Amino acid sequence: MRLSEIGNKEIVDLSTGNSHGQLWDAEMIFDKKSGKIKSVLVPALQGGGFFRRTIDNIYELPWSSVVIIGDDMIIFKSTPD
């Protein structure tokens, strides 16, 4: 999947139901060696959670917490099972 195909998708927390905007609103952090996405810096539009606070109203979302990339949303889970 290309970045241009997922940029308009809304980022939603499965645990809280909070929206964190679209992927275009976020910053991605890549692994320098592999080029894989490590995490995404998302705006804290609603609520908070287990994310590490990086800057005011910005949270670091580990890419490993993404549950599914659907047609309209990227769904992640902020709390472990």
PDB file of N, CA and C in Angstrom:
ATOM      1  N   MET A   1       0.843  -1.170   0.000  1.00  0.00           N
ATOM      2  CA  MET A   1       0.000   0.000   0.000  1.00  0.00           C
ATOM      3  C   MET A   1       0.893   1.239   0.000  1.00  0.00           C
ATOM      4  N   ARG A   2       0.516   2.211  -0.772  1.00  0.00           N
ATOM      5  CA  ARG A   2       1.273   3.454  -0.876  1.00  0.00           C
ATOM      6  C   ARG A   2       0.763   4.490   0.125  1.00  0.00           C
ATOM      7  N   LEU A   3       1.648   5.376   0.521  1.00  0.00           N
ATOM      8  CA  LEU A   3       1.278   6.435   1.450  1.00  0.00           C
ATOM      9  C   LEU A   3       0.136   7.277   0.895  1.00  0.00           C
ATOM     10  N   SER A   4       0.149   7.529  -0.392  1.00  0.00           N
ATOM     11  CA  SER A   4      -0.922   8.334  -1.000  1.00  0.00           C
ATOM     12  C   SER A   4      -2.282   7.663  -0.884  1.00  0.00           C
ATOM     13  N   GLU A   5      -2.307   6.352  -0.678  1.00  0.00           N
ATOM     14  CA  GLU A   5      -3.563   5.616  -0.538  1.00  0.00           C
ATOM     15  C   GLU A   5      -4.111   5.652   0.889  1.00  0.00           C
ATOM     16  N   ILE A   6      -3.272   5.982   1.875  1.00  0.00           N
ATOM     17  CA  ILE A   6      -3.735   5.967   3.267  1.00  0.00           C
ATOM     18  C   ILE A   6      -3.734   7.352   3.917  1.00  0.00           C
ATOM     19  N   GLY A   7      -3.255   8.356   3.224  1.00  0.00           N
ATOM     20  CA  GLY A   7      -3.128   9.690   3.806  1.00  0.00           C
ATOM     21  C   GLY A   7      -4.427  10.322   4.258  1.00  0.00           C
ATOM     22  N   ASN A   8      -5.528  10.051   3.564  1.00  0.00           N
ATOM     23  CA  ASN A   8      -6.812  10.648   3.910  1.00  0.00           C
ATOM     24  C   ASN A   8      -7.575   9.867   4.971  1.00  0.00           C
ATOM     25  N   LYS A   9      -7.032   8.756   5.426  1.00  0.00           N
ATOM     26  CA  LYS A   9      -7.727   7.930   6.402  1.00  0.00           C
ATOM     27  C   LYS A   9      -7.669   8.565   7.793  1.00  0.00           C
ATOM     28  N   GLU A  10      -8.786   8.477   8.504  1.00  0.00           N
ATOM     29  CA  GLU A  10      -8.881   9.008   9.853  1.00  0.00           C
ATOM     30  C   GLU A  10      -8.200   8.045  10.828  1.00  0.00           C
ATOM     31  N   ILE A  11      -7.454   8.585  11.782  1.00  0.00           N
ATOM     32  CA  ILE A  11      -6.773   7.783  12.799  1.00  0.00           C
ATOM     33  C   ILE A  11      -7.671   7.733  14.033  1.00  0.00           C
ATOM     34  N   VAL A  12      -8.131   6.521  14.413  1.00  0.00           N
ATOM     35  CA  VAL A  12      -9.095   6.367  15.503  1.00  0.00           C
ATOM     36  C   VAL A  12      -8.564   5.360  16.516  1.00  0.00           C
ATOM     37  N   ASP A  13      -8.734   5.700  17.797  1.00  0.00           N
ATOM     38  CA  ASP A  13      -8.320   4.831  18.900  1.00  0.00           C
ATOM     39  C   ASP A  13      -9.465   3.873  19.233  1.00  0.00           C
ATOM     40  N   LEU A  14      -9.257   2.589  19.072  1.00  0.00           N
ATOM     41  CA  LEU A  14     -10.256   1.563  19.355  1.00  0.00           C
ATOM     42  C   LEU A  14     -10.634   1.541  20.831  1.00  0.00           C
ATOM     43  N   SER A  15      -9.684   1.811  21.710  1.00  0.00           N
ATOM     44  CA  SER A  15      -9.918   1.749  23.158  1.00  0.00           C
ATOM     45  C   SER A  15     -10.815   2.880  23.665  1.00  0.00           C
ATOM     46  N   THR A  16     -10.650   4.075  23.102  1.00  0.00           N
ATOM     47  CA  THR A  16     -11.382   5.241  23.611  1.00  0.00           C
ATOM     48  C   THR A  16     -12.409   5.793  22.629  1.00  0.00           C
ATOM     49  N   GLY A  17     -12.289   5.439  21.367  1.00  0.00           N
ATOM     50  CA  GLY A  17     -13.166   6.002  20.342  1.00  0.00           C
ATOM     51  C   GLY A  17     -12.748   7.381  19.886  1.00  0.00           C
ATOM     52  N   ASN A  18     -11.622   7.882  20.393  1.00  0.00           N
ATOM     53  CA  ASN A  18     -11.142   9.220  20.039  1.00  0.00           C
ATOM     54  C   ASN A  18     -10.548   9.250  18.644  1.00  0.00           C
ATOM     55  N   SER A  19     -10.763  10.377  17.974  1.00  0.00           N
ATOM     56  CA  SER A  19     -10.173  10.619  16.664  1.00  0.00           C
ATOM     57  C   SER A  19      -8.912  11.453  16.833  1.00  0.00           C
ATOM     58  N   HIS A  20      -7.901  11.169  16.014  1.00  0.00           N
ATOM     59  CA  HIS A  20      -6.650  11.934  16.050  1.00  0.00           C
ATOM     60  C   HIS A  20      -6.344  12.528  14.680  1.00  0.00           C
ATOM     61  N   GLY A  21      -7.398  12.830  13.932  1.00  0.00           N
ATOM     62  CA  GLY A  21      -7.224  13.457  12.628  1.00  0.00           C
ATOM     63  C   GLY A  21      -6.903  12.451  11.543  1.00  0.00           C
ATOM     64  N   GLN A  22      -6.419  12.958  10.435  1.00  0.00           N
ATOM     65  CA  GLN A  22      -6.050  12.113   9.313  1.00  0.00           C
ATOM     66  C   GLN A  22      -4.549  11.883   9.316  1.00  0.00           C
ATOM     67  N   LEU A  23      -4.133  10.862   8.601  1.00  0.00           N
ATOM     68  CA  LEU A  23      -2.701  10.550   8.544  1.00  0.00           C
ATOM     69  C   LEU A  23      -1.908  11.724   7.983  1.00  0.00           C
ATOM     70  N   TRP A  24      -2.515  12.508   7.089  1.00  0.00           N
ATOM     71  CA  TRP A  24      -1.821  13.693   6.563  1.00  0.00           C
ATOM     72  C   TRP A  24      -1.507  14.696   7.668  1.00  0.00           C
ATOM     73  N   ASP A  25      -2.274  14.663   8.790  1.00  0.00           N
ATOM     74  CA  ASP A  25      -2.053  15.575   9.909  1.00  0.00           C
ATOM     75  C   ASP A  25      -0.913  15.111  10.814  1.00  0.00           C
ATOM     76  N   ALA A  26      -0.406  13.917  10.566  1.00  0.00           N
ATOM     77  CA  ALA A  26       0.587  13.299  11.444  1.00  0.00           C
ATOM     78  C   ALA A  26       1.984  13.371  10.831  1.00  0.00           C
ATOM     79  N   GLU A  27       2.967  13.113  11.683  1.00  0.00           N
ATOM     80  CA  GLU A  27       4.368  12.995  11.253  1.00  0.00           C
ATOM     81  C   GLU A  27       4.774  11.540  11.436  1.00  0.00           C
ATOM     82  N   MET A  28       5.506  10.982  10.492  1.00  0.00           N
ATOM     83  CA  MET A  28       5.956   9.596  10.598  1.00  0.00           C
ATOM     84  C   MET A  28       7.419   9.538  10.982  1.00  0.00           C
ATOM     85  N   ILE A  29       7.753   8.557  11.801  1.00  0.00           N
ATOM     86  CA  ILE A  29       9.137   8.313  12.192  1.00  0.00           C
ATOM     87  C   ILE A  29       9.539   6.969  11.586  1.00  0.00           C
ATOM     88  N   PHE A  30      10.603   6.969  10.794  1.00  0.00           N
ATOM     89  CA  PHE A  30      11.059   5.779  10.086  1.00  0.00           C
ATOM     90  C   PHE A  30      12.332   5.233  10.704  1.00  0.00           C
ATOM     91  N   ASP A  31      12.524   3.924  10.590  1.00  0.00           N
ATOM     92  CA  ASP A  31      13.780   3.283  10.960  1.00  0.00           C
ATOM     93  C   ASP A  31      14.773   3.598   9.847  1.00  0.00           C
ATOM     94  N   LYS A  32      15.911   4.153  10.190  1.00  0.00           N
ATOM     95  CA  LYS A  32      16.889   4.583   9.186  1.00  0.00           C
ATOM     96  C   LYS A  32      17.454   3.423   8.385  1.00  0.00           C
ATOM     97  N   LYS A  33      17.628   2.271   9.011  1.00  0.00           N
ATOM     98  CA  LYS A  33      18.232   1.128   8.316  1.00  0.00           C
ATOM     99  C   LYS A  33      17.249   0.395   7.428  1.00  0.00           C
ATOM    100  N   SER A  34      16.049   0.123   7.937  1.00  0.00           N
ATOM    101  CA  SER A  34      15.087  -0.692   7.191  1.00  0.00           C
ATOM    102  C   SER A  34      14.115   0.132   6.358  1.00  0.00           C
ATOM    103  N   GLY A  35      13.896   1.400   6.737  1.00  0.00           N
ATOM    104  CA  GLY A  35      12.925   2.236   6.046  1.00  0.00           C
ATOM    105  C   GLY A  35      11.488   1.980   6.487  1.00  0.00           C
ATOM    106  N   LYS A  36      11.286   1.109   7.467  1.00  0.00           N
ATOM    107  CA  LYS A  36       9.946   0.800   7.960  1.00  0.00           C
ATOM    108  C   LYS A  36       9.465   1.893   8.912  1.00  0.00           C
ATOM    109  N   ILE A  37       8.135   2.044   8.984  1.00  0.00           N
ATOM    110  CA  ILE A  37       7.549   3.023   9.893  1.00  0.00           C
ATOM    111  C   ILE A  37       7.698   2.507  11.314  1.00  0.00           C
ATOM    112  N   LYS A  38       8.297   3.303  12.204  1.00  0.00           N
ATOM    113  CA  LYS A  38       8.426   2.949  13.624  1.00  0.00           C
ATOM    114  C   LYS A  38       7.240   3.463  14.412  1.00  0.00           C
ATOM    115  N   SER A  39       6.880   4.709  14.184  1.00  0.00           N
ATOM    116  CA  SER A  39       5.775   5.309  14.920  1.00  0.00           C
ATOM    117  C   SER A  39       5.258   6.511  14.150  1.00  0.00           C
ATOM    118  N   VAL A  40       4.125   7.014  14.637  1.00  0.00           N
ATOM    119  CA  VAL A  40       3.482   8.174  14.025  1.00  0.00           C
ATOM    120  C   VAL A  40       3.209   9.180  15.129  1.00  0.00           C
ATOM    121  N   LEU A  41       3.548  10.433  14.897  1.00  0.00           N
ATOM    122  CA  LEU A  41       3.232  11.503  15.844  1.00  0.00           C
ATOM    123  C   LEU A  41       1.874  12.057  15.446  1.00  0.00           C
ATOM    124  N   VAL A  42       0.882  11.874  16.321  1.00  0.00           N
ATOM    125  CA  VAL A  42      -0.488  12.270  16.007  1.00  0.00           C
ATOM    126  C   VAL A  42      -0.925  13.415  16.908  1.00  0.00           C
ATOM    127  N   PRO A  43      -1.763  14.304  16.385  1.00  0.00           N
ATOM    128  CA  PRO A  43      -2.302  15.368  17.234  1.00  0.00           C
ATOM    129  C   PRO A  43      -3.284  14.793  18.238  1.00  0.00           C
ATOM    130  N   ALA A  44      -3.277  15.292  19.441  1.00  0.00           N
ATOM    131  CA  ALA A  44      -4.192  14.834  20.492  1.00  0.00           C
ATOM    132  C   ALA A  44      -5.473  15.641  20.384  1.00  0.00           C
ATOM    133  N   LEU A  45      -6.285  15.339  19.375  1.00  0.00           N
ATOM    134  CA  LEU A  45      -7.505  16.101  19.145  1.00  0.00           C
ATOM    135  C   LEU A  45      -8.531  15.854  20.231  1.00  0.00           C
ATOM    136  N   GLN A  46      -8.555  14.616  20.751  1.00  0.00           N
ATOM    137  CA  GLN A  46      -9.467  14.271  21.838  1.00  0.00           C
ATOM    138  C   GLN A  46      -8.754  13.309  22.763  1.00  0.00           C
ATOM    139  N   GLY A  47      -8.847  13.540  24.040  1.00  0.00           N
ATOM    140  CA  GLY A  47      -8.365  12.594  25.038  1.00  0.00           C
ATOM    141  C   GLY A  47      -6.871  12.396  25.045  1.00  0.00           C
ATOM    142  N   GLY A  48      -6.480  11.314  25.669  1.00  0.00           N
ATOM    143  CA  GLY A  48      -5.071  10.973  25.820  1.00  0.00           C
ATOM    144  C   GLY A  48      -4.923   9.476  25.797  1.00  0.00           C
ATOM    145  N   GLY A  49      -4.110   8.935  26.693  1.00  0.00           N
ATOM    146  CA  GLY A  49      -3.939   7.497  26.712  1.00  0.00           C
ATOM    147  C   GLY A  49      -2.554   7.104  27.142  1.00  0.00           C
ATOM    148  N   PHE A  50      -2.122   5.971  26.662  1.00  0.00           N
ATOM    149  CA  PHE A  50      -0.848   5.434  27.100  1.00  0.00           C
ATOM    150  C   PHE A  50       0.315   5.972  26.299  1.00  0.00           C
ATOM    151  N   PHE A  51       0.051   6.847  25.334  1.00  0.00           N
ATOM    152  CA  PHE A  51       1.109   7.356  24.479  1.00  0.00           C
ATOM    153  C   PHE A  51       2.086   8.200  25.255  1.00  0.00           C
ATOM    154  N   ARG A  52       3.289   8.166  24.797  1.00  0.00           N
ATOM    155  CA  ARG A  52       4.306   9.037  25.379  1.00  0.00           C
ATOM    156  C   ARG A  52       4.078  10.447  24.840  1.00  0.00           C
ATOM    157  N   ARG A  53       3.919  11.406  25.723  1.00  0.00           N
ATOM    158  CA  ARG A  53       3.736  12.800  25.297  1.00  0.00           C
ATOM    159  C   ARG A  53       5.079  13.309  24.792  1.00  0.00           C
ATOM    160  N   THR A  54       5.087  13.863  23.584  1.00  0.00           N
ATOM    161  CA  THR A  54       6.329  14.327  22.984  1.00  0.00           C
ATOM    162  C   THR A  54       6.431  15.855  23.028  1.00  0.00           C
ATOM    163  N   ILE A  55       5.416  16.533  22.565  1.00  0.00           N
ATOM    164  CA  ILE A  55       5.329  17.990  22.559  1.00  0.00           C
ATOM    165  C   ILE A  55       3.894  18.294  22.998  1.00  0.00           C
ATOM    166  N   ASP A  56       3.559  19.507  23.314  1.00  0.00           N
ATOM    167  CA  ASP A  56       2.185  19.829  23.713  1.00  0.00           C
ATOM    168  C   ASP A  56       1.187  19.327  22.666  1.00  0.00           C
ATOM    169  N   ASN A  57       0.237  18.516  23.127  1.00  0.00           N
ATOM    170  CA  ASN A  57      -0.845  17.996  22.300  1.00  0.00           C
ATOM    171  C   ASN A  57      -0.411  17.081  21.160  1.00  0.00           C
ATOM    172  N   ILE A  58       0.735  16.464  21.275  1.00  0.00           N
ATOM    173  CA  ILE A  58       1.217  15.506  20.287  1.00  0.00           C
ATOM    174  C   ILE A  58       1.571  14.208  21.021  1.00  0.00           C
ATOM    175  N   TYR A  59       1.158  13.079  20.459  1.00  0.00           N
ATOM    176  CA  TYR A  59       1.465  11.780  21.051  1.00  0.00           C
ATOM    177  C   TYR A  59       2.164  10.897  20.036  1.00  0.00           C
ATOM    178  N   GLU A  60       3.051  10.054  20.535  1.00  0.00           N
ATOM    179  CA  GLU A  60       3.749   9.115  19.669  1.00  0.00           C
ATOM    180  C   GLU A  60       2.995   7.793  19.667  1.00  0.00           C
ATOM    181  N   LEU A  61       2.479   7.427  18.516  1.00  0.00           N
ATOM    182  CA  LEU A  61       1.709   6.209  18.318  1.00  0.00           C
ATOM    183  C   LEU A  61       2.629   5.134  17.736  1.00  0.00           C
ATOM    184  N   PRO A  62       2.948   4.088  18.492  1.00  0.00           N
ATOM    185  CA  PRO A  62       3.776   3.018  17.928  1.00  0.00           C
ATOM    186  C   PRO A  62       3.041   2.351  16.763  1.00  0.00           C
ATOM    187  N   TRP A  63       3.706   2.157  15.660  1.00  0.00           N
ATOM    188  CA  TRP A  63       3.075   1.545  14.495  1.00  0.00           C
ATOM    189  C   TRP A  63       2.577   0.137  14.830  1.00  0.00           C
ATOM    190  N   SER A  64       3.215  -0.514  15.798  1.00  0.00           N
ATOM    191  CA  SER A  64       2.818  -1.863  16.207  1.00  0.00           C
ATOM    192  C   SER A  64       1.438  -1.885  16.866  1.00  0.00           C
ATOM    193  N   SER A  65       0.901  -0.728  17.289  1.00  0.00           N
ATOM    194  CA  SER A  65      -0.416  -0.692  17.918  1.00  0.00           C
ATOM    195  C   SER A  65      -1.546  -0.555  16.896  1.00  0.00           C
ATOM    196  N   VAL A  66      -1.220  -0.464  15.596  1.00  0.00           N
ATOM    197  CA  VAL A  66      -2.251  -0.400  14.564  1.00  0.00           C
ATOM    198  C   VAL A  66      -2.921  -1.765  14.471  1.00  0.00           C
ATOM    199  N   VAL A  67      -4.247  -1.767  14.592  1.00  0.00           N
ATOM    200  CA  VAL A  67      -5.023  -3.006  14.538  1.00  0.00           C
ATOM    201  C   VAL A  67      -5.391  -3.339  13.098  1.00  0.00           C
ATOM    202  N   ILE A  68      -5.883  -2.335  12.380  1.00  0.00           N
ATOM    203  CA  ILE A  68      -6.302  -2.547  10.989  1.00  0.00           C
ATOM    204  C   ILE A  68      -6.275  -1.226  10.233  1.00  0.00           C
ATOM    205  N   ILE A  69      -5.993  -1.324   8.953  1.00  0.00           N
ATOM    206  CA  ILE A  69      -6.102  -0.181   8.056  1.00  0.00           C
ATOM    207  C   ILE A  69      -7.298  -0.483   7.164  1.00  0.00           C
ATOM    208  N   GLY A  70      -8.425   0.205   7.437  1.00  0.00           N
ATOM    209  CA  GLY A  70      -9.663  -0.041   6.703  1.00  0.00           C
ATOM    210  C   GLY A  70      -9.816   0.906   5.534  1.00  0.00           C
ATOM    211  N   ASP A  71     -11.023   0.898   4.956  1.00  0.00           N
ATOM    212  CA  ASP A  71     -11.301   1.750   3.803  1.00  0.00           C
ATOM    213  C   ASP A  71     -11.230   3.231   4.131  1.00  0.00           C
ATOM    214  N   ASP A  72     -11.725   3.603   5.331  1.00  0.00           N
ATOM    215  CA  ASP A  72     -11.792   5.015   5.705  1.00  0.00           C
ATOM    216  C   ASP A  72     -10.977   5.374   6.937  1.00  0.00           C
ATOM    217  N   MET A  73     -10.519   4.364   7.688  1.00  0.00           N
ATOM    218  CA  MET A  73      -9.861   4.622   8.967  1.00  0.00           C
ATOM    219  C   MET A  73      -8.630   3.755   9.172  1.00  0.00           C
ATOM    220  N   ILE A  74      -7.740   4.287  10.001  1.00  0.00           N
ATOM    221  CA  ILE A  74      -6.646   3.509  10.559  1.00  0.00           C
ATOM    222  C   ILE A  74      -7.000   3.353  12.028  1.00  0.00           C
ATOM    223  N   ILE A  75      -7.233   2.121  12.455  1.00  0.00           N
ATOM    224  CA  ILE A  75      -7.677   1.866  13.818  1.00  0.00           C
ATOM    225  C   ILE A  75      -6.515   1.302  14.612  1.00  0.00           C
ATOM    226  N   PHE A  76      -6.268   1.905  15.776  1.00  0.00           N
ATOM    227  CA  PHE A  76      -5.203   1.429  16.654  1.00  0.00           C
ATOM    228  C   PHE A  76      -5.769   1.240  18.053  1.00  0.00           C
ATOM    229  N   LYS A  77      -5.035   0.539  18.881  1.00  0.00           N
ATOM    230  CA  LYS A  77      -5.463   0.279  20.244  1.00  0.00           C
ATOM    231  C   LYS A  77      -4.430   0.862  21.191  1.00  0.00           C
ATOM    232  N   SER A  78      -4.865   1.807  22.032  1.00  0.00           N
ATOM    233  CA  SER A  78      -3.932   2.514  22.910  1.00  0.00           C
ATOM    234  C   SER A  78      -3.636   1.768  24.194  1.00  0.00           C
ATOM    235  N   THR A  79      -4.435   0.790  24.537  1.00  0.00           N
ATOM    236  CA  THR A  79      -4.187   0.025  25.764  1.00  0.00           C
ATOM    237  C   THR A  79      -3.969  -1.433  25.410  1.00  0.00           C
ATOM    238  N   PRO A  80      -2.996  -2.068  26.055  1.00  0.00           N
ATOM    239  CA  PRO A  80      -2.746  -3.487  25.761  1.00  0.00           C
ATOM    240  C   PRO A  80      -3.881  -4.346  26.296  1.00  0.00           C
ATOM    241  N   ASP A  81      -4.032  -5.556  25.722  1.00  0.00           N
ATOM    242  CA  ASP A  81      -5.066  -6.497  26.180  1.00  0.00           C
ATOM    243  C   ASP A  81      -4.826  -6.967  27.581  1.00  0.00           C
TER     244      ASP A  81
END
